[in-house]
């Protein structure tokens, strides 16, 4: 079975998101844990959580992913930015435990003025400061395009981050197709080779989820700009090949198309489900 959904707004709560997902024939979804460009966050309603958990179980919703805001950049060396990242990550992971078993997605971010090793260590330190041995939430590190001083655009960099984490069994990777395309990985013409490279560097068991994003930019551009599915330089055929690759069976796939509506997402969820080849 293909696990596929899209990015939804948490403004109305968990149950509302689950019902939106079901309405477009999706069986998972992703959402921002708080304002995507700030620290504002609303309290969760225990009644909503209880209702969501019953509804999700009844309708087969699985592998839901909470996405940290964009301005959480654990690689960044600036004290104010690091304090903010640690505060948000710690609070978010505690709140996600109210709905056990979720993914928590973070972008390593940019690290101006420091070496690659220092940037990687900053991410490791942030994870070690905020993760606990008992948590059920799995933290996913998002792949980056490598624009400017971004860290996390190569599989080797991501491998070093995981290797330094105390609770590495609770850490995985979310591959953003547009980002790794921008970083130079040819998922269109050499998907098998890219997966081999990931497996050699990190291990495919650590590849937990993927953002199915088409790209406006050329491969290797270091610029991550999403295009509507099938209208970019990666294309629908290459993206659907990912969903059907047997080595990626059981992974969660999330759509993040620009300026999308539920109608758009419903169409593209159906396209991927129709093209899916698997059990």
Protein backbone atom coordinates (compact mmCIF):
# COMPACT_ATOMS: atom_id res chain seq x y z
CA UNK A 1 0.00 0.00 0.00
CA UNK A 2 1.22 3.48 -0.87
CA UNK A 3 1.41 5.88 2.07
CA UNK A 4 0.81 9.31 0.53
CA UNK A 5 -0.62 12.63 1.59
CA UNK A 6 0.12 16.33 1.52
CA UNK A 7 0.88 19.34 3.65
CA UNK A 8 -2.16 20.62 5.56
CA UNK A 9 -2.89 23.45 7.98
CA UNK A 10 -3.16 22.61 11.68
CA UNK A 11 -5.20 25.73 12.38
CA UNK A 12 -8.38 23.70 13.06
CA UNK A 13 -6.66 20.85 14.89
CA UNK A 14 -5.69 17.25 14.29
CA UNK A 15 -9.17 15.88 13.58
CA UNK A 16 -9.84 18.48 10.91
CA UNK A 17 -6.56 17.62 9.16
CA UNK A 18 -7.34 13.92 9.25
CA UNK A 19 -10.77 14.53 7.72
CA UNK A 20 -9.22 16.69 5.00
CA UNK A 21 -6.72 13.93 4.23
CA UNK A 22 -9.46 11.31 3.99
CA UNK A 23 -11.51 13.63 1.77
CA UNK A 24 -8.75 13.52 -0.87
CA UNK A 25 -8.15 9.76 -0.44
CA UNK A 26 -4.84 10.31 1.35
CA UNK A 27 -3.70 8.17 4.28
CA UNK A 28 -1.14 10.50 5.82
CA UNK A 29 -0.38 14.21 6.08
CA UNK A 30 2.23 16.73 7.14
CA UNK A 31 1.68 19.98 9.02
CA UNK A 32 3.65 22.81 10.60
CA UNK A 33 3.92 22.44 14.37
CA UNK A 34 3.59 26.22 14.69
CA UNK A 35 3.77 29.35 12.52
CA UNK A 36 6.24 28.36 9.75
CA UNK A 37 8.13 31.63 10.06
CA UNK A 38 7.89 32.26 13.77
CA UNK A 39 7.48 30.76 17.18
CA UNK A 40 3.76 31.33 17.69
CA UNK A 41 1.91 28.18 18.73
CA UNK A 42 -1.59 27.38 19.91
CA UNK A 43 -2.31 24.87 22.65
CA UNK A 44 -3.65 21.50 21.58
CA UNK A 45 -7.13 20.49 22.71
CA UNK A 46 -7.11 17.09 24.48
CA UNK A 47 -10.63 16.39 23.17
CA UNK A 48 -9.46 17.05 19.62
CA UNK A 49 -6.51 14.72 20.11
CA UNK A 50 -8.73 11.94 21.46
CA UNK A 51 -11.18 12.34 18.58
CA UNK A 52 -8.32 12.41 16.07
CA UNK A 53 -6.72 9.24 17.40
CA UNK A 54 -10.00 7.32 17.07
CA UNK A 55 -10.66 8.72 13.59
CA UNK A 56 -7.09 8.06 12.39
CA UNK A 57 -7.25 4.45 13.56
CA UNK A 58 -10.61 3.94 11.87
CA UNK A 59 -9.46 5.46 8.55
CA UNK A 60 -5.92 4.13 8.35
CA UNK A 61 -4.09 7.42 8.83
CA UNK A 62 -0.41 6.69 9.50
CA UNK A 63 3.08 8.21 9.61
CA UNK A 64 1.87 11.75 10.29
CA UNK A 65 4.64 14.34 10.29
CA UNK A 66 4.97 17.57 12.25
CA UNK A 67 7.26 20.06 10.51
CA UNK A 68 9.32 22.54 12.54
CA UNK A 69 9.13 26.19 11.39
CA UNK A 70 11.59 27.35 8.74
CA UNK A 71 13.44 29.65 11.11
CA UNK A 72 14.49 26.74 13.31
CA UNK A 73 18.07 26.29 12.11
CA UNK A 74 20.05 24.10 14.51
CA UNK A 75 23.20 24.48 12.37
CA UNK A 76 23.27 28.24 12.86
CA UNK A 77 26.06 29.43 15.21
CA UNK A 78 24.37 32.68 16.30
CA UNK A 79 23.44 32.46 19.98
CA UNK A 80 19.96 33.95 19.60
CA UNK A 81 19.09 31.63 16.72
CA UNK A 82 20.44 28.60 18.56
CA UNK A 83 18.47 29.43 21.69
CA UNK A 84 15.33 29.78 19.59
CA UNK A 85 15.95 26.46 17.83
CA UNK A 86 16.52 24.64 21.10
CA UNK A 87 13.39 26.15 22.64
CA UNK A 88 11.16 25.23 19.69
CA UNK A 89 12.59 21.73 19.25
CA UNK A 90 12.26 20.93 22.94
CA UNK A 91 8.69 22.24 23.16
CA UNK A 92 7.62 20.61 19.91
CA UNK A 93 8.95 17.19 20.80
CA UNK A 94 7.22 17.29 24.17
CA UNK A 95 3.90 18.25 22.53
CA UNK A 96 4.21 15.62 19.80
CA UNK A 97 4.27 12.95 22.49
CA UNK A 98 0.58 13.73 23.05
CA UNK A 99 0.03 11.87 19.75
CA UNK A 100 2.68 9.14 19.98
CA UNK A 101 4.62 7.81 17.02
CA UNK A 102 4.74 10.91 14.85
CA UNK A 103 7.65 12.11 12.75
CA UNK A 104 9.22 15.48 13.61
CA UNK A 105 10.91 17.11 10.64
CA UNK A 106 13.67 19.69 11.01
CA UNK A 107 15.80 21.50 8.44
CA UNK A 108 19.47 21.78 9.47
CA UNK A 109 19.45 25.29 8.01
CA UNK A 110 22.29 27.66 7.28
CA UNK A 111 25.55 28.08 9.15
CA UNK A 112 27.20 31.34 8.11
CA UNK A 113 30.80 31.87 9.13
CA UNK A 114 31.61 28.39 10.40
CA UNK A 115 33.15 25.26 8.89
CA UNK A 116 31.17 22.25 7.70
CA UNK A 117 32.30 20.25 10.71
CA UNK A 118 31.20 22.98 13.12
CA UNK A 119 27.81 23.27 11.41
CA UNK A 120 27.27 19.52 11.62
CA UNK A 121 28.29 19.52 15.29
CA UNK A 122 25.79 22.31 15.97
CA UNK A 123 23.00 20.09 14.60
CA UNK A 124 24.23 17.12 16.63
CA UNK A 125 24.41 19.20 19.80
CA UNK A 126 20.89 20.55 19.27
CA UNK A 127 19.48 17.05 18.82
CA UNK A 128 21.33 15.69 21.82
CA UNK A 129 20.04 18.60 23.92
CA UNK A 130 16.40 18.09 23.02
CA UNK A 131 15.87 14.37 22.39
CA UNK A 132 15.14 11.81 25.11
CA UNK A 133 15.63 8.08 25.31
CA UNK A 134 11.95 7.47 26.02
CA UNK A 135 10.40 9.56 23.24
CA UNK A 136 8.19 7.84 20.67
CA UNK A 137 8.65 10.64 18.13
CA UNK A 138 11.20 9.98 15.41
CA UNK A 139 13.15 13.07 14.34
CA UNK A 140 13.71 13.38 10.60
CA UNK A 141 16.44 15.58 9.17
CA UNK A 142 15.37 17.23 5.93
CA UNK A 143 17.71 17.28 2.95
CA UNK A 144 18.85 20.72 1.82
CA UNK A 145 19.71 22.16 -1.61
CA UNK A 146 23.04 23.64 -0.50
CA UNK A 147 22.13 27.24 -1.25
CA UNK A 148 24.42 29.77 0.41
CA UNK A 149 25.72 28.38 3.70
CA UNK A 150 23.13 25.61 4.03
CA UNK A 151 24.32 22.35 5.55
CA UNK A 152 22.78 18.93 4.93
CA UNK A 153 22.88 18.90 1.13
CA UNK A 154 25.10 15.82 0.83
CA UNK A 155 24.54 12.30 2.09
CA UNK A 156 27.93 12.37 3.80
CA UNK A 157 26.95 15.46 5.83
CA UNK A 158 23.65 13.86 6.85
CA UNK A 159 25.44 10.65 7.82
CA UNK A 160 27.77 12.56 10.14
CA UNK A 161 24.78 14.21 11.83
CA UNK A 162 23.13 10.87 12.58
CA UNK A 163 26.39 9.28 13.70
CA UNK A 164 26.86 11.95 16.36
CA UNK A 165 23.40 11.65 17.93
CA UNK A 166 23.11 9.79 21.23
CA UNK A 167 19.72 8.29 20.35
CA UNK A 168 20.46 7.56 16.69
CA UNK A 169 17.72 4.92 16.57
CA UNK A 170 15.22 7.77 16.89
CA UNK A 171 16.65 9.78 13.96
CA UNK A 172 16.06 9.36 10.24
CA UNK A 173 16.11 11.30 6.98
CA UNK A 174 13.37 12.87 4.90
CA UNK A 175 14.51 13.19 1.28
CA UNK A 176 13.12 16.24 -0.47
CA UNK A 177 13.24 15.41 -4.17
CA UNK A 178 13.52 19.02 -5.27
CA UNK A 179 16.30 19.71 -2.76
CA UNK A 180 18.47 16.72 -3.63
CA UNK A 181 17.92 17.45 -7.34
CA UNK A 182 19.17 20.98 -6.70
CA UNK A 183 22.10 19.52 -4.74
CA UNK A 184 23.10 17.52 -7.82
CA UNK A 185 21.63 14.05 -7.26
CA UNK A 186 20.17 12.70 -10.51
CA UNK A 187 16.97 11.02 -9.36
CA UNK A 188 15.55 11.37 -12.87
CA UNK A 189 18.13 9.40 -14.90
CA UNK A 190 19.93 7.44 -12.17
CA UNK A 191 17.55 6.72 -9.30
CA UNK A 192 19.18 3.35 -8.60
CA UNK A 193 22.59 5.00 -8.36
CA UNK A 194 21.32 7.70 -6.00
CA UNK A 195 19.69 5.12 -3.72
CA UNK A 196 22.91 3.08 -3.78
CA UNK A 197 24.86 6.18 -2.75
CA UNK A 198 22.39 6.92 0.06
CA UNK A 199 22.59 3.33 1.23
CA UNK A 200 26.39 3.37 1.26
CA UNK A 201 26.59 6.67 3.15
CA UNK A 202 23.67 6.43 5.56
CA UNK A 203 21.71 3.20 5.07
CA UNK A 204 18.30 3.00 3.43
CA UNK A 205 16.79 1.96 6.75
CA UNK A 206 17.28 5.60 7.77
CA UNK A 207 15.32 6.94 4.79
CA UNK A 208 11.92 7.23 6.45
CA UNK A 209 9.98 9.70 4.32
CA UNK A 210 10.11 11.72 1.12
CA UNK A 211 8.76 15.04 -0.07
CA UNK A 212 7.47 14.48 -3.59
CA UNK A 213 8.35 17.83 -5.15
CA UNK A 214 8.97 18.76 -8.76
CA UNK A 215 11.57 21.46 -9.43
CA UNK A 216 11.66 24.72 -11.36
CA UNK A 217 15.46 24.72 -11.33
CA UNK A 218 18.18 22.76 -13.10
CA UNK A 219 19.88 19.86 -11.37
CA UNK A 220 22.88 21.08 -9.38
CA UNK A 221 21.56 24.66 -9.25
CA UNK A 222 21.64 24.71 -5.42
CA UNK A 223 18.25 26.43 -5.61
CA UNK A 224 15.18 24.62 -4.24
CA UNK A 225 12.08 25.99 -5.97
CA UNK A 226 9.05 23.76 -6.30
CA UNK A 227 7.00 23.39 -9.47
CA UNK A 228 3.56 21.81 -9.78
CA UNK A 229 3.86 18.03 -10.11
CA UNK A 230 4.65 17.13 -13.71
CA UNK A 231 5.42 20.70 -14.76
CA UNK A 232 9.00 20.84 -13.50
CA UNK A 233 12.37 19.49 -14.57
CA UNK A 234 12.10 16.27 -12.57
CA UNK A 235 8.70 15.29 -13.91
CA UNK A 236 5.89 12.97 -12.85
CA UNK A 237 7.43 9.81 -14.27
CA UNK A 238 10.61 10.15 -12.23
CA UNK A 239 8.68 11.02 -9.06
CA UNK A 240 6.27 8.11 -9.46
CA UNK A 241 9.27 5.79 -9.93
CA UNK A 242 10.27 6.69 -6.38
CA UNK A 243 6.91 5.66 -4.95
CA UNK A 244 7.12 2.28 -6.69
CA UNK A 245 10.77 1.48 -6.00
CA UNK A 246 10.78 -1.70 -3.88
CA UNK A 247 13.64 -0.34 -1.76
CA UNK A 248 11.35 2.48 -0.64
CA UNK A 249 8.36 0.31 0.18
CA UNK A 250 6.53 1.46 3.30
CA UNK A 251 7.91 4.99 3.27
CA UNK A 252 5.65 8.00 3.71
CA UNK A 253 5.39 10.42 0.77
CA UNK A 254 4.23 14.01 1.24
CA UNK A 255 3.26 16.46 -1.52
CA UNK A 256 4.26 20.12 -1.10
CA UNK A 257 3.14 21.78 -4.32
CA UNK A 258 3.19 25.58 -4.66
CA UNK A 259 -0.13 27.43 -4.32
CA UNK A 260 -2.02 24.15 -4.05
CA UNK A 261 -5.60 23.50 -3.04
CA UNK A 262 -7.22 20.31 -1.83
CA UNK A 263 -8.50 19.84 -5.38
CA UNK A 264 -4.93 19.88 -6.70
CA UNK A 265 -3.74 17.51 -4.03
CA UNK A 266 -6.66 15.14 -4.60
CA UNK A 267 -5.79 14.99 -8.29
CA UNK A 268 -2.12 14.29 -7.68
CA UNK A 269 -2.66 11.78 -4.88
CA UNK A 270 -4.85 9.89 -7.35
CA UNK A 271 -2.18 10.13 -10.07
CA UNK A 272 0.47 8.62 -7.82
CA UNK A 273 -1.87 5.92 -6.52
CA UNK A 274 -2.78 4.95 -10.11
CA UNK A 275 0.89 4.79 -11.13
CA UNK A 276 1.97 2.90 -8.00
CA UNK A 277 3.37 -0.55 -8.57
CA UNK A 278 3.73 -2.52 -5.34
CA UNK A 279 1.99 -4.56 -2.70
